[in-house]
Amino acid sequence: MNTGLGYPEGISAVANEEGISGDLVLTVETGAFGGVPAARTSFGATTNALAFVDSPTIFDLYDSGFLYATFVGLAECDAHGSVNVSRFTDKSGRERRPGAGGFINLTQGAKNVIFCGTMTAGGYKAEIRDGKLVILQEGAEKKFLNQINQITFSGPHAVEINQNVLYVTDRCVFRLTAEGLKLTEVAPGIDIETQILPYMEFKPIIGDDVQEMDPRIFQEGLIGLRETIESKAE
């Protein structure tokens, strides 16, 4: 698997806490295999890696369909599931172009693509209280838009090649379908009509099978991923 910048950086730390880092082969674009990838300003380094290769070699593996899953950031998303992480325009009209980096290689080659991020940006604040998500302040900018600045990941193409694509946010989870984004899970304490739909410029598909996100995520202490994995293996 691969973990990218932003919220996905925390995956390796959680895996280590839960005692399952040895069951996963996490990789980063710098060429590290296994171990616990570092986060934030140390991103690219890895503790207790199984092996290191050069960056061109690992990108050859990514491009060949080597990845079971990649976890990447979520900046802008449209109703078709297409995502922009490479070009932005602020309210004054100024453009910022951070570029795609290895994002395209990772998302095109992986069998499962999981986008991770908050639903709004720019001042968003929240806390967990009594097992529920409590939003203290919404961000000034929406991420789920009618039109995104640039298509760095194509939702329609992902549907065409049968990729499994999820969009995991702070308050809900969407799955990419041939008809567009479908709401599948909602965090405990969150109301769809007042805390999800108003912060999207389009309405997702909402079926009768919307479930609650795993409540263990919103509790103190370990989640128990080791036990969950072992029970499913049985």
Protein backbone atom coordinates (compact mmCIF):
# COMPACT_ATOMS: atom_id res chain seq x y z
CA MET A 1 0.00 0.00 0.00
CA ASN A 2 0.98 3.66 -0.21
CA THR A 3 0.19 6.54 2.11
CA GLY A 4 0.35 10.10 0.80
CA LEU A 5 0.60 13.59 2.27
CA GLY A 6 -1.94 15.20 4.60
CA TYR A 7 -4.46 13.12 6.52
CA PRO A 8 -3.16 9.82 5.07
CA GLU A 9 0.11 10.40 6.96
CA GLY A 10 -1.63 9.27 10.15
CA ILE A 11 -2.40 5.79 8.81
CA SER A 12 1.08 4.43 9.53
CA ALA A 13 0.98 5.72 13.12
CA VAL A 14 -2.42 4.11 13.73
CA ALA A 15 -1.25 0.82 12.19
CA ASN A 16 1.76 0.87 14.51
CA GLU A 17 -0.38 1.61 17.59
CA GLU A 18 -2.78 -1.18 16.69
CA GLY A 19 0.05 -3.67 16.24
CA ILE A 20 -0.66 -4.41 12.58
CA SER A 21 2.19 -2.50 10.87
CA GLY A 22 3.98 -5.82 10.36
CA ASP A 23 0.98 -7.18 8.45
CA LEU A 24 1.00 -4.30 5.98
CA VAL A 25 3.68 -3.36 3.49
CA LEU A 26 3.39 0.42 3.50
CA THR A 27 5.48 2.22 0.89
CA VAL A 28 6.43 5.80 0.09
CA GLU A 29 7.60 7.35 -3.16
CA THR A 30 11.16 7.70 -1.89
CA GLY A 31 11.55 3.92 -2.15
CA ALA A 32 10.91 2.54 1.34
CA PHE A 33 9.12 -0.81 1.73
CA GLY A 34 7.42 -1.77 5.00
CA GLY A 35 8.03 -0.33 8.44
CA VAL A 36 6.39 2.86 9.70
CA PRO A 37 6.53 5.85 7.30
CA ALA A 38 7.16 9.21 9.00
CA ALA A 39 4.75 12.15 8.79
CA ARG A 40 4.77 15.91 8.29
CA THR A 41 8.22 17.48 7.82
CA SER A 42 9.84 14.04 8.00
CA PHE A 43 7.62 12.61 5.24
CA GLY A 44 9.65 10.32 3.00
CA ALA A 45 11.59 8.71 5.84
CA THR A 46 10.62 5.31 7.28
CA THR A 47 11.38 3.54 10.55
CA ASN A 48 12.20 -0.20 10.49
CA ALA A 49 11.76 -0.54 6.74
CA LEU A 50 12.06 -3.99 5.21
CA ALA A 51 13.95 -2.65 2.20
CA PHE A 52 14.81 0.46 0.21
CA VAL A 53 14.93 0.89 -3.57
CA ASP A 54 15.51 4.02 -5.64
CA SER A 55 12.57 6.25 -6.53
CA PRO A 56 12.44 5.35 -10.27
CA THR A 57 12.18 1.65 -9.35
CA ILE A 58 9.28 2.12 -6.97
CA PHE A 59 7.47 4.29 -9.51
CA ASP A 60 7.89 1.51 -12.07
CA LEU A 61 6.14 -0.77 -9.58
CA TYR A 62 3.38 1.77 -8.95
CA ASP A 63 2.80 2.20 -12.70
CA SER A 64 2.63 -1.57 -13.21
CA GLY A 65 -0.39 -2.08 -10.91
CA PHE A 66 1.72 -3.22 -7.95
CA LEU A 67 -0.38 -1.35 -5.35
CA TYR A 68 -3.32 -2.97 -3.60
CA ALA A 69 -4.37 0.41 -2.19
CA THR A 70 -3.28 4.02 -2.02
CA PHE A 71 -4.45 6.61 0.52
CA VAL A 72 -4.22 10.17 -0.80
CA GLY A 73 -5.41 13.66 0.14
CA LEU A 74 -8.69 15.25 -0.87
CA ALA A 75 -8.70 18.89 -1.99
CA GLU A 76 -11.56 19.34 -4.50
CA CYS A 77 -14.07 16.77 -5.74
CA ASP A 78 -16.97 16.95 -8.21
CA ALA A 79 -20.18 14.95 -8.60
CA HIS A 80 -18.49 12.48 -10.96
CA GLY A 81 -15.84 11.63 -8.37
CA SER A 82 -13.03 13.49 -10.15
CA VAL A 83 -10.48 15.07 -7.81
CA ASN A 84 -8.19 18.09 -8.04
CA VAL A 85 -5.03 18.33 -5.94
CA SER A 86 -2.82 20.21 -8.39
CA ARG A 87 -4.23 23.65 -9.28
CA PHE A 88 -6.17 26.15 -7.17
CA THR A 89 -7.60 29.65 -7.52
CA ASP A 90 -8.22 31.86 -4.47
CA LYS A 91 -11.03 34.40 -4.10
CA SER A 92 -8.86 37.19 -5.53
CA GLY A 93 -8.28 35.16 -8.69
CA ARG A 94 -4.66 34.31 -7.98
CA GLU A 95 -3.59 30.83 -9.01
CA ARG A 96 -1.52 28.37 -7.02
CA ARG A 97 -0.14 25.35 -8.83
CA PRO A 98 1.52 22.87 -6.46
CA GLY A 99 1.43 20.20 -9.17
CA ALA A 100 0.48 16.55 -9.00
CA GLY A 101 3.75 14.98 -7.84
CA GLY A 102 3.34 11.20 -7.70
CA PHE A 103 -0.43 11.46 -7.22
CA ILE A 104 -1.28 10.43 -10.78
CA ASN A 105 1.00 7.39 -10.74
CA LEU A 106 -0.45 6.23 -7.43
CA THR A 107 -4.13 6.72 -8.23
CA GLN A 108 -3.94 5.30 -11.76
CA GLY A 109 -2.16 2.10 -10.79
CA ALA A 110 -3.81 1.15 -7.49
CA LYS A 111 -6.69 -1.31 -7.31
CA ASN A 112 -8.25 0.62 -4.39
CA VAL A 113 -8.07 4.42 -4.09
CA ILE A 114 -9.05 6.05 -0.79
CA PHE A 115 -9.22 9.84 -0.62
CA CYS A 116 -8.94 11.26 2.91
CA GLY A 117 -9.74 14.76 4.18
CA THR A 118 -12.23 17.10 5.80
CA MET A 119 -15.37 18.25 3.98
CA THR A 120 -14.46 21.91 4.36
CA ALA A 121 -11.15 23.77 4.53
CA GLY A 122 -9.90 27.03 5.97
CA GLY A 123 -10.63 27.29 9.68
CA TYR A 124 -12.43 23.97 10.23
CA LYS A 125 -12.50 22.89 13.89
CA ALA A 126 -14.07 19.84 15.52
CA GLU A 127 -13.80 17.59 18.53
CA ILE A 128 -14.99 14.20 19.72
CA ARG A 129 -17.47 14.40 22.58
CA ASP A 130 -19.23 11.41 24.15
CA GLY A 131 -18.49 9.23 21.15
CA LYS A 132 -19.84 11.74 18.65
CA LEU A 133 -18.28 14.19 16.21
CA VAL A 134 -18.99 17.79 17.23
CA ILE A 135 -18.20 20.45 14.63
CA LEU A 136 -17.13 23.64 16.38
CA GLN A 137 -16.45 25.73 13.29
CA GLU A 138 -16.94 25.02 9.60
CA GLY A 139 -14.19 25.79 7.13
CA ALA A 140 -14.62 28.78 4.84
CA GLU A 141 -14.18 26.73 1.67
CA LYS A 142 -16.19 23.81 0.33
CA LYS A 143 -14.35 20.86 -1.21
CA PHE A 144 -17.25 19.14 -2.98
CA LEU A 145 -17.91 21.39 -5.96
CA ASN A 146 -19.91 21.48 -9.18
CA GLN A 147 -16.71 22.28 -11.05
CA ILE A 148 -13.14 21.67 -9.91
CA ASN A 149 -10.14 23.68 -11.08
CA GLN A 150 -8.32 20.76 -12.65
CA ILE A 151 -8.88 17.02 -13.03
CA THR A 152 -5.92 15.29 -11.41
CA PHE A 153 -7.94 12.08 -10.94
CA SER A 154 -10.78 11.13 -13.28
CA GLY A 155 -13.81 9.54 -11.64
CA PRO A 156 -15.38 8.37 -14.94
CA HIS A 157 -12.11 6.71 -15.95
CA ALA A 158 -11.91 4.96 -12.56
CA VAL A 159 -15.41 3.58 -13.13
CA GLU A 160 -14.38 2.45 -16.60
CA ILE A 161 -11.39 0.47 -15.33
CA ASN A 162 -13.35 -0.87 -12.32
CA GLN A 163 -11.33 0.73 -9.52
CA ASN A 164 -12.75 0.70 -6.00
CA VAL A 165 -12.79 4.37 -4.90
CA LEU A 166 -13.77 5.76 -1.50
CA TYR A 167 -13.86 9.34 -0.19
CA VAL A 168 -13.42 9.28 3.59
CA THR A 169 -14.14 12.60 5.28
CA ASP A 170 -14.37 13.76 8.87
CA ARG A 171 -18.14 13.26 8.94
CA CYS A 172 -19.08 10.78 6.22
CA VAL A 173 -17.90 8.35 3.56
CA PHE A 174 -18.76 8.32 -0.16
CA ARG A 175 -18.25 5.54 -2.70
CA LEU A 176 -17.78 6.12 -6.40
CA THR A 177 -20.46 4.50 -8.57
CA ALA A 178 -21.28 4.67 -12.27
CA GLU A 179 -23.97 7.24 -11.39
CA GLY A 180 -21.64 9.39 -9.27
CA LEU A 181 -20.84 9.74 -5.56
CA LYS A 182 -22.99 7.70 -3.19
CA LEU A 183 -23.21 8.46 0.53
CA THR A 184 -22.58 5.20 2.39
CA GLU A 185 -21.64 6.11 5.98
CA VAL A 186 -22.22 9.00 8.40
CA ALA A 187 -20.37 9.80 11.62
CA PRO A 188 -22.27 9.50 14.91
CA GLY A 189 -23.76 12.85 15.87
CA ILE A 190 -23.89 14.16 12.29
CA ASP A 191 -27.14 15.08 10.52
CA ILE A 192 -27.18 14.59 6.75
CA GLU A 193 -29.60 17.43 5.97
CA THR A 194 -27.90 20.13 8.05
CA GLN A 195 -24.25 19.10 8.32
CA ILE A 196 -23.44 17.37 5.03
CA LEU A 197 -25.65 18.51 2.14
CA PRO A 198 -25.30 22.30 2.79
CA TYR A 199 -21.54 21.95 2.41
CA MET A 200 -21.74 20.33 -1.02
CA GLU A 201 -22.55 22.13 -4.27
CA PHE A 202 -24.16 18.96 -5.63
CA LYS A 203 -26.38 16.33 -4.05
CA PRO A 204 -24.86 12.85 -3.76
CA ILE A 205 -26.79 9.63 -4.22
CA ILE A 206 -28.44 8.75 -0.90
CA GLY A 207 -29.90 5.27 -0.60
CA ASP A 208 -31.79 3.55 2.19
CA ASP A 209 -28.65 1.68 3.25
CA VAL A 210 -26.61 4.54 4.76
CA GLN A 211 -24.77 3.20 7.80
CA GLU A 212 -23.10 4.76 10.81
CA MET A 213 -19.31 5.01 10.66
CA ASP A 214 -17.58 2.55 12.99
CA PRO A 215 -18.16 4.05 16.50
CA ARG A 216 -14.73 2.80 17.63
CA ILE A 217 -13.17 5.58 15.56
CA PHE A 218 -14.78 8.14 17.84
CA GLN A 219 -13.73 6.56 21.14
CA GLU A 220 -10.58 6.95 23.23
CA GLY A 221 -8.07 4.12 23.16
CA LEU A 222 -7.25 1.43 20.65
CA ILE A 223 -9.75 0.44 17.97
CA GLY A 224 -8.88 -3.24 18.03
CA LEU A 225 -7.90 -3.67 14.40
CA ARG A 226 -5.82 -6.76 15.16
CA GLU A 227 -8.85 -8.58 16.56
CA THR A 228 -11.02 -7.39 13.66
CA ILE A 229 -8.59 -8.71 11.07
CA GLU A 230 -8.21 -12.05 12.81
CA SER A 231 -11.96 -12.52 13.17
CA LYS A 232 -12.49 -11.86 9.46
CA ALA A 233 -9.69 -14.28 8.58
CA GLU A 234 -11.54 -17.02 10.44
